[in-house]
Every structure is written in structure tokens, then in C-alpha cells.
Amino acid sequence: MSFKIRCLLVFVFAFALSVSAVSAQDAASPVTETVVAPGQAPTVAPNQEAAVASSQTAVVAPDKAVAAAVVEPVIDDLSIYGEVQAADGAAQTITVQYYDYDADEEKTISISCDPATKFENAASVADMKKGDWTDVTYILKDGKAVAKSVVVEKEEIEATQPAIADAQGVPEQKVNEE
């Protein structure tokens, strides 16, 4: 099995585990929302105390109810593995083509790099080129993908025949040059 396929399988397995853990956690702690009129303190009936103790309660004033519903969920780091289609050192952006397993299709994403981006096997975006394979961990910031870390895959060095012969304990044959 190739290195790339193994990496993709590990990524998919880790993602599936994290999604199932989050789903189980969300199901275990329901959120109850209570709307309270301005200037009125929230009250809890005696028969609701046990329910409140075992769940999370959010108290929302009527004028703030719409604003609370619009809050986007916080998404942690996202990761992709794919082939570099373009690398712009001046703009500090890379364009990566990757396979989206959820949509079952190839996709392309443009990711910005900032001074906090960590690089492995490359010093910066300027060292990357089209055709490199990369693993990018990024976050969505103001609707844009911003890289936290970029790992460029090193090409494997092919062994030569004499090196293989030496490793197996077979002596090299000398060639007479006359």
C-alpha cells in the first residue's frame, strides 16, 4: 500500500473517530433555552431543578434571541492532503487539489499562509512548486483558509543496485579498466 493511501486512510479513520466522539458528547448534554422578559429574573420551578442540574441552560432576553441563534459553531483545525496546483511566494498562498470524501469528488482550495504558519521540508511558500504533495492543517478565519502548518512530502530516494548488494552482504564486483 503506498504512503499516500496509508496517510489518507489514517486521516479518514481519525476524522470518523472525532466526529463520533463529538456527536456522543452533544447527545449527552442537551441545552435548554429560556426566554426572559427585560428586567425579570429567571426562575426555576421545584420540579425542574433536577433537569437544570443535569443539563446546560441558556437564558436569553427576547431582543437578544435572534443574535444568539446566528452564532456560528467554532470549528477546530481542518486538514487536507493533496497536490499543489500553484504556489505564489509573493502573495503567500498555495492552491491544493484534494479529494473530498464527503462529496466524493476532487476539489481545489486556495490557502493563505501567514508568519505564524509552520513549514516542514520547505522553508516557505516560495520553496514549493506545482506537483508537490502536501499535508495542510488550516483554520477558517473571516471566511478564508489560513494555514497553521504545511508539510511538504519528501520524495523517496531510490536505492542503487550496489547499495542493495552491500546491504545484503554480497561484495561488489570490480571492473577492470584497461
Protein backbone atom coordinates (compact mmCIF):
# COMPACT_ATOMS: atom_id res chain seq x y z
CA MET A 1 0.00 0.00 0.00
CA SER A 2 1.50 3.34 -0.97
CA PHE A 3 2.40 6.05 1.52
CA LYS A 4 -0.27 8.39 0.19
CA ILE A 5 -3.07 5.85 0.55
CA ARG A 6 -1.94 4.97 4.08
CA CYS A 7 -1.97 8.68 5.03
CA LEU A 8 -5.45 9.13 3.61
CA LEU A 9 -6.77 6.07 5.45
CA VAL A 10 -5.30 7.26 8.76
CA PHE A 11 -6.80 10.73 8.23
CA VAL A 12 -10.26 9.34 7.40
CA PHE A 13 -10.20 6.99 10.42
CA ALA A 14 -9.12 9.80 12.80
CA PHE A 15 -11.79 12.12 11.39
CA ALA A 16 -14.51 9.48 11.83
CA LEU A 17 -13.49 8.92 15.46
CA SER A 18 -13.54 12.65 16.24
CA VAL A 19 -16.97 13.11 14.64
CA SER A 20 -18.47 10.20 16.59
CA ALA A 21 -16.98 11.49 19.87
CA VAL A 22 -18.44 14.98 19.32
CA SER A 23 -21.84 13.51 18.41
CA ALA A 24 -21.91 11.42 21.58
CA GLN A 25 -20.94 14.43 23.69
CA ASP A 26 -23.64 16.63 22.12
CA ALA A 27 -26.31 13.98 22.72
CA ALA A 28 -25.28 13.60 26.37
CA SER A 29 -25.66 17.30 27.27
CA PRO A 30 -28.86 18.87 25.95
CA VAL A 31 -29.20 22.66 26.04
CA THR A 32 -32.39 24.25 27.36
CA GLU A 33 -33.19 27.82 26.33
CA THR A 34 -35.39 30.06 28.47
CA VAL A 35 -36.66 33.44 27.23
CA VAL A 36 -36.96 36.04 29.99
CA ALA A 37 -38.66 39.43 29.69
CA PRO A 38 -36.42 42.51 30.18
CA GLY A 39 -35.94 43.32 33.85
CA GLN A 40 -37.26 39.93 35.02
CA ALA A 41 -35.05 37.37 36.77
CA PRO A 42 -35.15 33.77 35.56
CA THR A 43 -36.93 31.34 37.87
CA VAL A 44 -36.76 27.57 38.16
CA ALA A 45 -39.74 25.54 39.32
CA PRO A 46 -39.00 22.92 42.03
CA ASN A 47 -39.73 20.04 39.64
CA GLN A 48 -37.25 21.47 37.08
CA GLU A 49 -34.25 21.68 39.44
CA ALA A 50 -33.08 18.15 38.62
CA ALA A 51 -33.41 18.80 34.89
CA VAL A 52 -31.47 22.06 35.19
CA ALA A 53 -28.74 20.38 37.24
CA SER A 54 -28.25 17.69 34.57
CA SER A 55 -28.33 19.97 31.52
CA GLN A 56 -26.95 23.26 30.31
CA THR A 57 -29.33 26.21 30.47
CA ALA A 58 -29.04 29.37 28.39
CA VAL A 59 -31.04 32.40 29.49
CA VAL A 60 -31.78 34.71 26.56
CA ALA A 61 -33.59 38.05 26.61
CA PRO A 62 -36.18 38.41 23.80
CA ASP A 63 -34.24 41.15 21.95
CA LYS A 64 -31.06 39.05 22.03
CA ALA A 65 -32.69 35.76 20.93
CA VAL A 66 -32.04 36.36 17.23
CA ALA A 67 -28.40 37.31 17.81
CA ALA A 68 -27.81 34.16 19.85
CA ALA A 69 -29.22 31.96 17.08
CA VAL A 70 -26.88 33.44 14.45
CA VAL A 71 -23.65 32.48 16.26
CA GLU A 72 -21.61 30.11 14.10
CA PRO A 73 -20.13 27.00 15.69
CA VAL A 74 -16.42 27.09 16.42
CA ILE A 75 -14.56 24.72 14.11
CA ASP A 76 -11.16 23.47 15.12
CA ASP A 77 -8.32 22.71 12.76
CA LEU A 78 -9.13 21.27 9.35
CA SER A 79 -6.69 19.10 7.38
CA ILE A 80 -6.27 18.18 3.75
CA TYR A 81 -3.74 16.12 1.83
CA GLY A 82 -3.30 16.84 -1.83
CA GLU A 83 -1.22 18.01 -4.78
CA VAL A 84 0.00 21.60 -5.08
CA GLN A 85 -1.50 23.21 -8.19
CA ALA A 86 0.09 26.64 -7.64
CA ALA A 87 2.38 28.31 -5.10
CA ASP A 88 2.61 32.12 -5.05
CA GLY A 89 5.52 33.27 -2.86
CA ALA A 90 4.64 36.96 -3.23
CA ALA A 91 1.01 36.52 -2.14
CA GLN A 92 1.91 33.72 0.33
CA THR A 93 -0.84 31.43 -1.00
CA ILE A 94 -0.92 27.84 -2.14
CA THR A 95 -3.61 26.16 -4.21
CA VAL A 96 -4.09 22.49 -3.40
CA GLN A 97 -6.19 19.89 -5.21
CA TYR A 98 -7.51 17.23 -2.83
CA TYR A 99 -10.16 14.51 -2.68
CA ASP A 100 -13.24 15.34 -0.60
CA TYR A 101 -14.55 12.03 0.72
CA ASP A 102 -17.85 13.53 1.93
CA ALA A 103 -18.72 14.90 -1.53
CA ASP A 104 -16.94 12.02 -3.32
CA GLU A 105 -15.13 14.39 -5.70
CA GLU A 106 -11.88 16.23 -6.36
CA LYS A 107 -11.80 19.81 -5.02
CA THR A 108 -9.36 22.69 -5.12
CA ILE A 109 -8.74 25.15 -2.28
CA SER A 110 -6.60 28.27 -2.01
CA ILE A 111 -4.91 28.61 1.38
CA SER A 112 -3.14 31.70 2.70
CA CYS A 113 0.00 31.47 4.80
CA ASP A 114 0.96 34.00 7.45
CA PRO A 115 4.09 34.49 9.59
CA ALA A 116 2.73 32.02 12.17
CA THR A 117 2.48 29.18 9.60
CA LYS A 118 4.93 26.36 10.35
CA PHE A 119 6.61 24.64 7.39
CA GLU A 120 8.21 21.20 7.26
CA ASN A 121 10.50 20.11 4.38
CA ALA A 122 10.19 23.62 2.89
CA ALA A 123 11.27 27.00 4.25
CA SER A 124 8.32 28.94 2.83
CA VAL A 125 5.71 29.03 0.06
CA ALA A 126 8.47 30.13 -2.33
CA ASP A 127 10.15 26.71 -1.92
CA MET A 128 7.01 24.85 -3.02
CA LYS A 129 6.19 24.02 -6.62
CA LYS A 130 3.39 22.57 -8.70
CA GLY A 131 3.24 18.80 -8.32
CA ASP A 132 4.46 18.69 -4.70
CA TRP A 133 2.30 16.61 -2.37
CA THR A 134 1.43 18.35 0.87
CA ASP A 135 -0.47 17.91 4.11
CA VAL A 136 -2.01 21.22 5.24
CA THR A 137 -3.63 21.95 8.60
CA TYR A 138 -5.65 25.17 8.45
CA ILE A 139 -8.42 27.18 10.08
CA LEU A 140 -11.19 29.29 8.62
CA LYS A 141 -10.63 32.92 9.60
CA ASP A 142 -13.07 35.54 8.30
CA GLY A 143 -14.21 33.10 5.61
CA LYS A 144 -10.66 32.44 4.35
CA ALA A 145 -8.49 29.36 4.81
CA VAL A 146 -5.32 30.25 6.75
CA ALA A 147 -2.61 27.58 7.13
CA LYS A 148 -1.31 26.67 10.57
CA SER A 149 1.14 24.05 9.27
CA VAL A 150 2.29 22.89 5.86
CA VAL A 151 4.19 19.61 5.45
CA VAL A 152 5.68 19.00 2.02
CA GLU A 153 6.18 15.31 1.27
CA LYS A 154 9.79 14.39 0.63
CA GLU A 155 10.48 12.24 -2.39
CA GLU A 156 11.80 8.83 -1.51
CA ILE A 157 15.37 8.21 -2.67
CA GLU A 158 15.66 5.09 -4.80
CA ALA A 159 18.43 2.74 -3.78
CA THR A 160 21.03 1.75 -6.34
CA GLN A 161 21.99 -1.83 -7.09
CA PRO A 162 25.47 -1.69 -5.43
CA ALA A 163 23.94 -0.28 -2.24
CA ILE A 164 21.41 -3.11 -2.16
CA ALA A 165 24.16 -5.68 -2.77
CA ASP A 166 26.23 -4.24 0.11
CA ALA A 167 23.23 -4.30 2.44
CA GLN A 168 22.69 -7.98 1.67
CA GLY A 169 26.32 -8.83 2.33
CA VAL A 170 27.17 -9.52 -1.32
CA PRO A 171 30.51 -7.96 -2.30
CA GLU A 172 30.59 -5.56 -5.25
CA GLN A 173 32.31 -6.83 -8.37
CA LYS A 174 35.23 -4.72 -9.50
CA VAL A 175 35.51 -3.74 -13.11
CA ASN A 176 38.95 -3.76 -14.72
CA GLU A 177 39.60 -0.55 -16.59
CA GLU A 178 42.35 -1.03 -19.17
